[in-house]
Amino acid sequence: MKFTAAAITLLGFTTFYSTIDGVEGDELKLHAREKMQKDKAERQLQANGAGSVYSRGYICITRQQDFAFVIPQQKSIVPEEERLKQLNFLGSSTIQSGGIYDPADIRIVDRLGTSAADNFDLDDTDSSSGDGGQQNRAQFAGQRQPRFIPQKDPGFFFNGECVATQVAGFQILGHSCLLNLCLGGGGYNCLAIYAGSKFVFNPLEQILFSPTTFSFDTSNNAGEIVPSLPPSYPGTIIGGTGSFIGAVGYVDVTTITGRTLTPAIAFDDNDDDLSALAPFDQAGYITQKINVVTNVPLPVAP
């Protein structure tokens, strides 16, 4: 068995990683975790007298225009110095609607930075800036993206809303979600999912690492910071519609690819043009792996 190990020192921290037969350690951990959760869910269903147990995995891919992050109205709408760091994300929500695909049809590949096709920083066309008029590059969360996205079936989709129910400033600590996983029947055969758990995630993390990532004058290091992927979270099937009436079970949602950095700016009292708070569009697709265990037969995604 081939085994390699290495240590990387970055910003004073030492990180160890290993590969076994060319498979990254985090991939092995992900597969082991999924198998453990699947086995646990099946045992729980059988113990609850649910009868037959069915399990299947699906892939959800959400486009940029089908994902929204909504921040609630703050105590004051008057800009203060570094007001962005004073935001309170309690009650903020993420709303998404993505297509469902068969995992066998989706290939995830490495993407080390955006390209012109991603429409990131289209305004950077000034050759006098020293970059020859080339676009700035940014890193995708997880540094991976789907290689090809098939046409989605309108009857297979995953949508819903997650609300931040526990926060510390703009650090999200917990959430509560109501989600629909629709699997055929013209969009009427849907599983209803409730997910309420610990969920530690900071959507504005680049402000902590570098307040000048996106600024009014220049964007100097968007390609050097790799955004973090949100953590996986469990959910409970609380019923369904169509052929899923009476369904019970469990799901596990894991994000495996994400978008570029949130284009936020920590502005101060001297800033006049507040419309520049989000000078760039985020690029990239959000890919989630959804493992389902239930008492109702599950169809294969198209």
Protein backbone atom coordinates (compact mmCIF):
# COMPACT_ATOMS: atom_id res chain seq x y z
CA MET A 1 0.00 0.00 0.00
CA LYS A 2 1.38 3.36 -1.00
CA PHE A 3 1.39 5.94 1.77
CA THR A 4 2.69 9.49 1.64
CA ALA A 5 2.64 12.14 4.32
CA ALA A 6 3.70 15.77 4.41
CA ALA A 7 3.53 18.80 6.68
CA ILE A 8 2.76 22.32 5.52
CA THR A 9 3.45 25.41 7.63
CA LEU A 10 1.15 28.34 6.84
CA LEU A 11 0.66 31.48 8.94
CA GLY A 12 2.31 29.81 11.90
CA PHE A 13 0.11 26.72 11.80
CA THR A 14 1.31 23.28 10.82
CA THR A 15 -1.08 21.10 8.83
CA PHE A 16 -0.53 17.41 8.13
CA TYR A 17 -2.11 15.60 5.24
CA SER A 18 -1.82 12.11 3.87
CA THR A 19 -2.85 10.19 0.80
CA ILE A 20 -3.43 6.46 0.51
CA ASP A 21 -3.24 5.02 -2.99
CA GLY A 22 -3.83 8.47 -4.45
CA VAL A 23 -7.06 9.10 -2.52
CA GLU A 24 -7.02 12.17 -0.29
CA GLY A 25 -7.54 11.67 3.41
CA ASP A 26 -10.56 13.97 3.54
CA GLU A 27 -12.30 11.92 0.84
CA LEU A 28 -11.80 8.76 2.90
CA LYS A 29 -13.19 10.49 5.98
CA LEU A 30 -16.22 11.70 4.01
CA HIS A 31 -17.03 8.20 2.71
CA ALA A 32 -16.55 6.66 6.16
CA ARG A 33 -18.77 9.31 7.76
CA GLU A 34 -21.51 8.81 5.16
CA LYS A 35 -21.47 5.03 5.64
CA MET A 36 -21.62 5.38 9.43
CA GLN A 37 -24.57 7.79 9.26
CA LYS A 38 -26.39 5.60 6.74
CA ASP A 39 -25.98 2.49 8.92
CA LYS A 40 -27.13 4.40 12.00
CA ALA A 41 -30.22 5.76 10.22
CA GLU A 42 -31.18 2.30 8.95
CA ARG A 43 -30.88 0.82 12.44
CA GLN A 44 -33.02 3.61 13.89
CA LEU A 45 -35.74 3.12 11.28
CA GLN A 46 -35.81 -0.62 11.88
CA ALA A 47 -35.94 -0.09 15.65
CA ASN A 48 -38.91 2.25 15.20
CA GLY A 49 -40.84 -0.40 13.32
CA ALA A 50 -40.78 1.43 10.00
CA GLY A 51 -40.74 -1.85 8.06
CA SER A 52 -38.66 -1.87 4.89
CA VAL A 53 -35.78 0.60 4.68
CA TYR A 54 -34.69 2.27 1.44
CA SER A 55 -31.64 4.43 0.90
CA ARG A 56 -30.24 6.36 -2.04
CA GLY A 57 -27.88 9.24 -2.72
CA TYR A 58 -28.61 12.29 -4.87
CA ILE A 59 -26.67 15.31 -6.12
CA CYS A 60 -28.15 18.81 -6.01
CA ILE A 61 -26.56 21.59 -8.09
CA THR A 62 -27.65 25.18 -7.46
CA ARG A 63 -26.83 28.02 -9.86
CA GLN A 64 -25.75 31.49 -8.71
CA GLN A 65 -29.14 33.04 -9.55
CA ASP A 66 -31.01 30.33 -7.62
CA PHE A 67 -29.32 30.99 -4.26
CA ALA A 68 -29.94 34.01 -2.02
CA PHE A 69 -28.51 35.10 1.32
CA VAL A 70 -30.90 37.49 3.06
CA ILE A 71 -29.76 39.70 5.97
CA PRO A 72 -32.48 41.07 8.27
CA GLN A 73 -32.88 44.80 8.86
CA GLN A 74 -30.35 46.04 11.38
CA LYS A 75 -30.84 48.32 14.36
CA SER A 76 -29.42 51.25 12.41
CA ILE A 77 -29.24 51.86 8.66
CA VAL A 78 -26.74 54.71 9.07
CA PRO A 79 -23.23 53.53 8.10
CA GLU A 80 -20.77 53.51 10.95
CA GLU A 81 -17.05 52.84 10.93
CA GLU A 82 -16.44 49.23 9.88
CA ARG A 83 -20.18 48.65 10.14
CA LEU A 84 -19.87 45.38 8.23
CA LYS A 85 -18.16 43.81 11.24
CA GLN A 86 -21.06 44.93 13.43
CA LEU A 87 -23.75 43.08 11.48
CA ASN A 88 -25.99 40.74 13.47
CA PHE A 89 -26.94 37.69 11.42
CA LEU A 90 -29.66 36.46 13.78
CA GLY A 91 -32.66 35.74 11.55
CA SER A 92 -30.63 35.81 8.34
CA SER A 93 -31.65 33.15 5.86
CA THR A 94 -30.36 31.24 2.86
CA ILE A 95 -32.88 30.37 0.16
CA GLN A 96 -32.02 27.90 -2.57
CA SER A 97 -33.55 25.95 -5.43
CA GLY A 98 -31.43 23.43 -7.31
CA GLY A 99 -31.87 20.49 -9.65
CA ILE A 100 -31.48 16.86 -8.56
CA TYR A 101 -29.16 14.52 -10.48
CA ASP A 102 -27.85 10.97 -10.34
CA PRO A 103 -24.38 10.97 -8.71
CA ALA A 104 -23.17 8.70 -11.53
CA ASP A 105 -23.81 11.52 -14.03
CA ILE A 106 -21.91 14.25 -12.16
CA ARG A 107 -18.13 14.51 -12.18
CA ILE A 108 -16.43 16.93 -9.79
CA VAL A 109 -13.05 18.28 -10.93
CA ASP A 110 -10.41 20.58 -9.44
CA ARG A 111 -10.80 24.28 -10.30
CA LEU A 112 -7.91 26.40 -9.05
CA GLY A 113 -9.38 29.83 -9.68
CA THR A 114 -11.94 31.49 -11.91
CA SER A 115 -11.63 32.11 -15.64
CA ALA A 116 -13.19 34.58 -18.07
CA ALA A 117 -16.13 32.19 -18.53
CA ASP A 118 -17.10 32.64 -14.87
CA ASN A 119 -17.93 36.37 -15.36
CA PHE A 120 -15.96 37.38 -12.28
CA ASP A 121 -14.68 40.99 -12.10
CA LEU A 122 -15.77 41.97 -15.61
CA ASP A 123 -14.83 45.61 -14.99
CA ASP A 124 -11.11 44.89 -14.69
CA THR A 125 -10.23 45.73 -18.29
CA ASP A 126 -7.80 48.58 -17.68
CA SER A 127 -4.41 47.56 -19.07
CA SER A 128 -2.75 50.42 -17.16
CA SER A 129 -3.37 48.55 -13.90
CA GLY A 130 -0.33 46.38 -14.60
CA ASP A 131 -2.21 43.16 -15.26
CA GLY A 132 -2.59 43.65 -19.01
CA GLY A 133 -6.33 44.17 -18.68
CA GLN A 134 -6.85 40.63 -17.45
CA GLN A 135 -9.57 39.71 -15.03
CA ASN A 136 -8.80 39.22 -11.38
CA ARG A 137 -9.00 35.60 -10.29
CA ALA A 138 -10.83 34.24 -7.28
CA GLN A 139 -10.86 30.82 -5.64
CA PHE A 140 -13.92 28.60 -5.39
CA ALA A 141 -14.90 27.19 -2.01
CA GLY A 142 -13.37 23.73 -1.89
CA GLN A 143 -11.42 24.52 -5.09
CA ARG A 144 -13.66 22.16 -7.06
CA GLN A 145 -16.60 22.53 -9.45
CA PRO A 146 -18.85 20.27 -11.56
CA ARG A 147 -17.26 19.55 -14.93
CA PHE A 148 -20.57 19.25 -16.76
CA ILE A 149 -24.17 19.83 -15.65
CA PRO A 150 -26.87 17.83 -17.47
CA GLN A 151 -30.24 19.35 -18.26
CA LYS A 152 -32.39 19.04 -15.15
CA ASP A 153 -35.76 17.36 -14.96
CA PRO A 154 -38.39 19.90 -13.75
CA GLY A 155 -39.88 17.23 -11.47
CA PHE A 156 -36.62 16.64 -9.56
CA PHE A 157 -35.45 19.50 -7.36
CA PHE A 158 -34.30 20.48 -3.86
CA ASN A 159 -35.42 23.79 -2.41
CA GLY A 160 -36.21 25.55 0.85
CA GLU A 161 -34.92 27.98 3.44
CA CYS A 162 -32.49 27.84 6.36
CA VAL A 163 -32.68 30.53 9.07
CA ALA A 164 -29.84 31.38 11.46
CA THR A 165 -31.24 30.82 14.96
CA GLN A 166 -28.02 31.17 16.97
CA VAL A 167 -25.27 33.65 16.11
CA ALA A 168 -22.33 35.61 17.50
CA GLY A 169 -22.25 38.76 15.38
CA PHE A 170 -21.85 37.54 11.81
CA GLN A 171 -20.69 34.09 12.95
CA ILE A 172 -23.56 31.62 12.48
CA LEU A 173 -23.68 28.96 15.21
CA GLY A 174 -26.98 27.19 14.57
CA HIS A 175 -29.81 27.06 12.04
CA SER A 176 -33.32 25.78 11.42
CA CYS A 177 -34.36 24.61 7.94
CA LEU A 178 -37.53 23.57 6.12
CA LEU A 179 -36.67 21.84 2.85
CA ASN A 180 -38.40 20.01 0.00
CA LEU A 181 -36.78 17.13 -1.86
CA CYS A 182 -38.99 16.41 -4.87
CA LEU A 183 -38.35 13.20 -6.78
CA GLY A 184 -40.64 12.92 -9.78
CA GLY A 185 -44.38 12.91 -10.30
CA GLY A 186 -44.13 16.23 -12.10
CA GLY A 187 -42.77 17.83 -8.93
CA TYR A 188 -45.59 16.56 -6.68
CA ASN A 189 -43.77 13.58 -5.11
CA CYS A 190 -41.84 15.43 -2.42
CA LEU A 191 -40.22 14.62 0.92
CA ALA A 192 -40.66 17.26 3.64
CA ILE A 193 -37.45 17.74 5.65
CA TYR A 194 -36.82 19.56 8.91
CA ALA A 195 -33.22 20.30 9.89
CA GLY A 196 -32.42 22.06 13.15
CA SER A 197 -28.94 21.66 14.59
CA LYS A 198 -25.60 23.23 15.35
CA PHE A 199 -24.20 24.87 12.21
CA VAL A 200 -20.97 26.85 12.61
CA PHE A 201 -20.23 28.97 9.55
CA ASN A 202 -18.97 32.48 8.78
CA PRO A 203 -20.16 33.76 5.36
CA LEU A 204 -17.93 36.86 5.65
CA GLU A 205 -14.76 35.08 6.68
CA GLN A 206 -12.49 36.98 4.28
CA ILE A 207 -13.07 40.18 6.28
CA LEU A 208 -11.31 38.51 9.22
CA PHE A 209 -8.34 37.43 7.10
CA SER A 210 -8.02 40.47 4.86
CA PRO A 211 -10.24 43.58 4.97
CA THR A 212 -8.70 44.68 1.64
CA THR A 213 -9.71 41.61 -0.37
CA PHE A 214 -12.44 43.73 -1.93
CA SER A 215 -11.95 47.46 -1.53
CA PHE A 216 -12.98 50.70 -3.20
CA ASP A 217 -9.51 51.30 -4.64
CA THR A 218 -8.23 47.87 -5.64
CA SER A 219 -8.89 44.18 -5.13
CA ASN A 220 -5.48 42.86 -4.29
CA ASN A 221 -5.75 39.26 -3.14
CA ALA A 222 -9.06 37.65 -4.11
CA GLY A 223 -7.16 34.80 -5.74
CA GLU A 224 -5.16 33.97 -2.61
CA ILE A 225 -7.99 33.18 -0.17
CA VAL A 226 -9.89 29.91 -0.49
CA PRO A 227 -13.40 30.21 1.02
CA SER A 228 -14.51 27.51 3.42
CA LEU A 229 -17.33 25.14 2.59
CA PRO A 230 -20.28 25.16 5.01
CA PRO A 231 -20.48 22.13 7.31
CA SER A 232 -22.73 19.18 6.60
CA TYR A 233 -25.95 18.89 8.56
CA PRO A 234 -28.56 16.20 9.33
CA GLY A 235 -32.29 16.42 8.68
CA THR A 236 -35.43 14.47 9.58
CA ILE A 237 -38.11 13.48 7.07
CA ILE A 238 -41.40 14.59 8.61
CA GLY A 239 -43.75 13.46 5.85
CA GLY A 240 -44.31 13.98 2.18
CA THR A 241 -46.70 14.50 -0.70
CA GLY A 242 -47.79 12.30 -3.58
CA SER A 243 -46.17 8.87 -3.39
CA PHE A 244 -44.27 9.96 -0.25
CA ILE A 245 -47.32 10.43 2.00
CA GLY A 246 -46.49 8.87 5.37
CA ALA A 247 -42.74 8.90 4.75
CA VAL A 248 -40.36 8.98 7.71
CA GLY A 249 -36.60 8.83 7.76
CA TYR A 250 -33.40 10.81 7.76
CA VAL A 251 -31.20 12.78 5.39
CA ASP A 252 -27.66 14.11 5.46
CA VAL A 253 -26.68 17.14 3.36
CA THR A 254 -22.99 17.70 2.53
CA THR A 255 -21.72 20.61 0.43
CA ILE A 256 -18.85 19.52 -1.83
CA THR A 257 -18.41 22.59 -4.07
CA GLY A 258 -19.14 26.25 -3.47
CA ARG A 259 -18.92 29.76 -4.86
CA THR A 260 -16.23 32.42 -4.72
CA LEU A 261 -15.81 34.83 -1.81
CA THR A 262 -18.68 37.02 -0.68
CA PRO A 263 -17.77 40.40 -2.30
CA ALA A 264 -18.22 42.43 0.88
CA ILE A 265 -16.33 45.57 1.90
CA ALA A 266 -15.64 46.87 5.41
CA PHE A 267 -16.26 50.56 4.74
CA ASP A 268 -15.68 53.55 6.99
CA ASP A 269 -17.12 57.03 7.50
CA ASN A 270 -15.16 58.51 4.59
CA ASP A 271 -16.81 56.32 1.96
CA ASP A 272 -19.27 58.22 -0.20
CA ASP A 273 -20.25 55.57 -2.74
CA LEU A 274 -22.05 52.97 -0.64
CA SER A 275 -23.37 51.24 -3.77
CA ALA A 276 -19.93 49.65 -4.17
CA LEU A 277 -20.53 47.33 -1.23
CA ALA A 278 -20.73 44.35 -3.60
CA PRO A 279 -18.58 45.25 -6.62
CA PHE A 280 -18.31 41.68 -7.93
CA ASP A 281 -20.72 38.88 -8.71
CA GLN A 282 -20.01 35.57 -7.03
CA ALA A 283 -19.09 32.79 -9.43
CA GLY A 284 -19.44 29.04 -9.22
CA TYR A 285 -22.03 26.35 -8.54
CA ILE A 286 -23.09 24.99 -5.16
CA THR A 287 -23.03 21.19 -5.24
CA GLN A 288 -24.57 19.19 -2.40
CA LYS A 289 -24.65 15.45 -1.80
CA ILE A 290 -27.93 14.33 -0.23
CA ASN A 291 -28.09 10.89 1.35
CA VAL A 292 -31.66 9.73 2.04
CA VAL A 293 -32.85 6.85 4.24
CA THR A 294 -36.61 6.33 4.43
CA ASN A 295 -39.42 3.77 4.58
CA VAL A 296 -40.68 4.57 1.05
CA PRO A 297 -39.04 3.37 -2.20
CA LEU A 298 -36.82 6.05 -3.72
CA PRO A 299 -36.57 6.59 -7.50
CA VAL A 300 -33.35 6.99 -9.45
CA ALA A 301 -32.67 10.59 -10.47
CA PRO A 302 -32.76 11.23 -14.24
